[in-house]
Amino acid sequence: MLLFVPGEEDPIERLYDCYAAMLYRLALSVLKNCEDAEDAVQSVFEKYVMHPHLFLSAEHEKAWLVRVTMNQCKDTL
């Protein structure tokens, strides 16, 4: 469960700001289509929000996002 503290940045917003551009470039390199890449990244963040995970570190969280993005691209193809 994510706790939002007023006055602090939303954790989902922080995550999106930090990784969305990288995930989009990754998806675009695989899918070769802007719209499909945008859809893939949106699906990854939907999965993150709908199924919160406990990550051991920021690197673990990043690795999860990259892996889920690649899997989403494979599903799209």
N, C-alpha and C. Protein backbone atom coordinates (compact mmCIF):
# COMPACT_ATOMS: atom_id res chain seq x y z
N MET A 1 0.84 -1.18 0.00
CA MET A 1 0.00 0.00 0.00
C MET A 1 0.88 1.24 0.00
N LEU A 2 0.58 2.15 -0.90
CA LEU A 2 1.34 3.38 -0.99
C LEU A 2 0.71 4.44 -0.10
N LEU A 3 1.53 5.10 0.66
CA LEU A 3 1.05 6.18 1.51
C LEU A 3 1.46 7.50 0.89
N PHE A 4 0.49 8.38 0.73
CA PHE A 4 0.77 9.69 0.17
C PHE A 4 0.74 10.71 1.29
N VAL A 5 1.84 11.41 1.47
CA VAL A 5 1.96 12.43 2.51
C VAL A 5 1.83 13.79 1.83
N PRO A 6 0.85 14.61 2.26
CA PRO A 6 0.70 15.94 1.65
C PRO A 6 2.01 16.72 1.74
N GLY A 7 2.32 17.42 0.66
CA GLY A 7 3.55 18.19 0.63
C GLY A 7 4.74 17.43 0.09
N GLU A 8 4.62 16.13 -0.03
CA GLU A 8 5.69 15.30 -0.59
C GLU A 8 5.26 14.82 -1.98
N GLU A 9 6.26 14.56 -2.81
CA GLU A 9 5.96 14.08 -4.16
C GLU A 9 5.35 12.69 -4.10
N ASP A 10 4.34 12.48 -4.90
CA ASP A 10 3.69 11.17 -5.02
C ASP A 10 4.73 10.15 -5.49
N PRO A 11 4.83 8.99 -4.85
CA PRO A 11 5.84 7.99 -5.24
C PRO A 11 5.68 7.52 -6.69
N ILE A 12 4.45 7.43 -7.18
CA ILE A 12 4.23 7.02 -8.56
C ILE A 12 4.72 8.11 -9.51
N GLU A 13 4.46 9.35 -9.16
CA GLU A 13 4.93 10.47 -9.97
C GLU A 13 6.46 10.50 -10.01
N ARG A 14 7.08 10.27 -8.86
CA ARG A 14 8.54 10.22 -8.79
C ARG A 14 9.08 9.12 -9.69
N LEU A 15 8.47 7.96 -9.60
CA LEU A 15 8.90 6.82 -10.41
C LEU A 15 8.72 7.12 -11.90
N TYR A 16 7.59 7.69 -12.26
CA TYR A 16 7.33 8.03 -13.65
C TYR A 16 8.35 9.04 -14.16
N ASP A 17 8.58 10.09 -13.38
CA ASP A 17 9.54 11.12 -13.78
C ASP A 17 10.94 10.54 -13.96
N CYS A 18 11.28 9.58 -13.15
CA CYS A 18 12.62 9.00 -13.17
C CYS A 18 12.83 8.02 -14.32
N TYR A 19 11.82 7.22 -14.65
CA TYR A 19 12.03 6.10 -15.57
C TYR A 19 11.22 6.11 -16.86
N ALA A 20 10.22 6.94 -17.00
CA ALA A 20 9.33 6.88 -18.17
C ALA A 20 10.08 7.08 -19.48
N ALA A 21 10.96 8.05 -19.53
CA ALA A 21 11.69 8.32 -20.78
C ALA A 21 12.56 7.13 -21.18
N MET A 22 13.25 6.55 -20.21
CA MET A 22 14.10 5.40 -20.49
C MET A 22 13.26 4.21 -20.99
N LEU A 23 12.13 3.95 -20.31
CA LEU A 23 11.29 2.83 -20.70
C LEU A 23 10.68 3.06 -22.08
N TYR A 24 10.33 4.31 -22.38
CA TYR A 24 9.80 4.63 -23.70
C TYR A 24 10.85 4.36 -24.79
N ARG A 25 12.08 4.80 -24.57
CA ARG A 25 13.15 4.56 -25.55
C ARG A 25 13.37 3.05 -25.75
N LEU A 26 13.34 2.31 -24.66
CA LEU A 26 13.49 0.86 -24.74
C LEU A 26 12.36 0.25 -25.56
N ALA A 27 11.13 0.63 -25.25
CA ALA A 27 9.98 0.09 -25.97
C ALA A 27 10.00 0.50 -27.44
N LEU A 28 10.38 1.73 -27.71
CA LEU A 28 10.45 2.20 -29.09
C LEU A 28 11.51 1.44 -29.89
N SER A 29 12.63 1.12 -29.25
CA SER A 29 13.69 0.38 -29.95
C SER A 29 13.24 -1.03 -30.32
N VAL A 30 12.34 -1.58 -29.54
CA VAL A 30 11.84 -2.93 -29.82
C VAL A 30 10.66 -2.90 -30.78
N LEU A 31 9.72 -1.99 -30.53
CA LEU A 31 8.46 -1.99 -31.27
C LEU A 31 8.50 -1.18 -32.57
N LYS A 32 9.42 -0.21 -32.66
CA LYS A 32 9.57 0.62 -33.86
C LYS A 32 8.30 1.40 -34.21
N ASN A 33 7.49 1.72 -33.19
CA ASN A 33 6.25 2.46 -33.41
C ASN A 33 5.97 3.30 -32.17
N CYS A 34 5.81 4.60 -32.36
CA CYS A 34 5.63 5.52 -31.22
C CYS A 34 4.39 5.18 -30.39
N GLU A 35 3.27 4.94 -31.06
CA GLU A 35 2.03 4.68 -30.34
C GLU A 35 2.10 3.38 -29.54
N ASP A 36 2.68 2.34 -30.14
CA ASP A 36 2.82 1.07 -29.43
C ASP A 36 3.77 1.22 -28.24
N ALA A 37 4.82 2.00 -28.41
CA ALA A 37 5.77 2.22 -27.31
C ALA A 37 5.10 2.96 -26.16
N GLU A 38 4.29 3.98 -26.49
CA GLU A 38 3.56 4.71 -25.45
C GLU A 38 2.59 3.79 -24.72
N ASP A 39 1.89 2.96 -25.48
CA ASP A 39 0.95 2.01 -24.87
C ASP A 39 1.67 1.02 -23.95
N ALA A 40 2.84 0.57 -24.38
CA ALA A 40 3.60 -0.39 -23.57
C ALA A 40 4.01 0.24 -22.25
N VAL A 41 4.52 1.46 -22.29
CA VAL A 41 4.94 2.13 -21.06
C VAL A 41 3.74 2.38 -20.15
N GLN A 42 2.62 2.77 -20.73
CA GLN A 42 1.43 2.98 -19.92
C GLN A 42 1.02 1.67 -19.24
N SER A 43 1.07 0.57 -19.96
CA SER A 43 0.71 -0.72 -19.38
C SER A 43 1.64 -1.11 -18.24
N VAL A 44 2.92 -0.81 -18.38
CA VAL A 44 3.89 -1.13 -17.33
C VAL A 44 3.54 -0.36 -16.06
N PHE A 45 3.25 0.93 -16.18
CA PHE A 45 2.92 1.71 -15.00
C PHE A 45 1.57 1.30 -14.41
N GLU A 46 0.64 0.87 -15.25
CA GLU A 46 -0.63 0.34 -14.74
C GLU A 46 -0.37 -0.91 -13.90
N LYS A 47 0.48 -1.79 -14.38
CA LYS A 47 0.82 -3.00 -13.63
C LYS A 47 1.48 -2.65 -12.30
N TYR A 48 2.35 -1.65 -12.34
CA TYR A 48 3.03 -1.22 -11.11
C TYR A 48 2.02 -0.71 -10.09
N VAL A 49 1.07 0.09 -10.54
CA VAL A 49 0.08 0.68 -9.63
C VAL A 49 -0.90 -0.38 -9.13
N MET A 50 -1.34 -1.25 -10.01
CA MET A 50 -2.37 -2.24 -9.65
C MET A 50 -1.82 -3.37 -8.78
N HIS A 51 -0.54 -3.65 -8.89
CA HIS A 51 0.06 -4.74 -8.14
C HIS A 51 1.34 -4.25 -7.46
N PRO A 52 1.19 -3.52 -6.38
CA PRO A 52 2.38 -2.97 -5.71
C PRO A 52 3.35 -4.08 -5.29
N HIS A 53 4.61 -3.78 -5.42
CA HIS A 53 5.66 -4.74 -5.09
C HIS A 53 6.57 -4.14 -4.02
N LEU A 54 7.20 -5.01 -3.29
CA LEU A 54 8.23 -4.57 -2.35
C LEU A 54 9.58 -4.82 -3.01
N PHE A 55 10.31 -3.76 -3.21
CA PHE A 55 11.61 -3.87 -3.85
C PHE A 55 12.71 -3.72 -2.82
N LEU A 56 13.78 -4.45 -3.02
CA LEU A 56 14.90 -4.44 -2.09
C LEU A 56 15.75 -3.19 -2.23
N SER A 57 15.71 -2.59 -3.43
CA SER A 57 16.54 -1.41 -3.68
C SER A 57 16.00 -0.69 -4.91
N ALA A 58 16.54 0.47 -5.19
CA ALA A 58 16.16 1.21 -6.39
C ALA A 58 16.57 0.44 -7.65
N GLU A 59 17.69 -0.27 -7.58
CA GLU A 59 18.14 -1.07 -8.71
C GLU A 59 17.18 -2.22 -8.99
N HIS A 60 16.66 -2.82 -7.93
CA HIS A 60 15.69 -3.91 -8.07
C HIS A 60 14.41 -3.39 -8.72
N GLU A 61 13.97 -2.22 -8.30
CA GLU A 61 12.77 -1.59 -8.86
C GLU A 61 12.98 -1.29 -10.36
N LYS A 62 14.14 -0.73 -10.70
CA LYS A 62 14.46 -0.41 -12.09
C LYS A 62 14.51 -1.67 -12.93
N ALA A 63 15.13 -2.72 -12.42
CA ALA A 63 15.23 -3.99 -13.15
C ALA A 63 13.84 -4.57 -13.40
N TRP A 64 12.95 -4.45 -12.41
CA TRP A 64 11.58 -4.94 -12.58
C TRP A 64 10.89 -4.17 -13.70
N LEU A 65 11.02 -2.85 -13.70
CA LEU A 65 10.39 -2.03 -14.73
C LEU A 65 10.92 -2.36 -16.12
N VAL A 66 12.21 -2.56 -16.24
CA VAL A 66 12.80 -2.90 -17.54
C VAL A 66 12.30 -4.26 -18.00
N ARG A 67 12.29 -5.24 -17.11
CA ARG A 67 11.86 -6.59 -17.48
C ARG A 67 10.39 -6.59 -17.89
N VAL A 68 9.55 -5.89 -17.14
CA VAL A 68 8.12 -5.85 -17.47
C VAL A 68 7.91 -5.12 -18.79
N THR A 69 8.70 -4.09 -19.06
CA THR A 69 8.61 -3.38 -20.34
C THR A 69 8.97 -4.32 -21.49
N MET A 70 10.05 -5.06 -21.33
CA MET A 70 10.43 -6.00 -22.38
C MET A 70 9.37 -7.07 -22.60
N ASN A 71 8.80 -7.57 -21.53
CA ASN A 71 7.74 -8.56 -21.66
C ASN A 71 6.51 -7.97 -22.34
N GLN A 72 6.18 -6.73 -22.01
CA GLN A 72 5.04 -6.07 -22.63
C GLN A 72 5.29 -5.89 -24.13
N CYS A 73 6.51 -5.54 -24.49
CA CYS A 73 6.86 -5.42 -25.92
C CYS A 73 6.73 -6.74 -26.63
N LYS A 74 7.20 -7.81 -26.02
CA LYS A 74 7.08 -9.15 -26.62
C LYS A 74 5.61 -9.51 -26.82
N ASP A 75 4.78 -9.19 -25.82
CA ASP A 75 3.34 -9.46 -25.95
C ASP A 75 2.74 -8.65 -27.09
N THR A 76 3.17 -7.42 -27.26
CA THR A 76 2.66 -6.57 -28.33
C THR A 76 3.05 -7.10 -29.69
N LEU A 77 4.29 -7.57 -29.81
CA LEU A 77 4.75 -8.11 -31.09
C LEU A 77 4.05 -9.41 -31.41
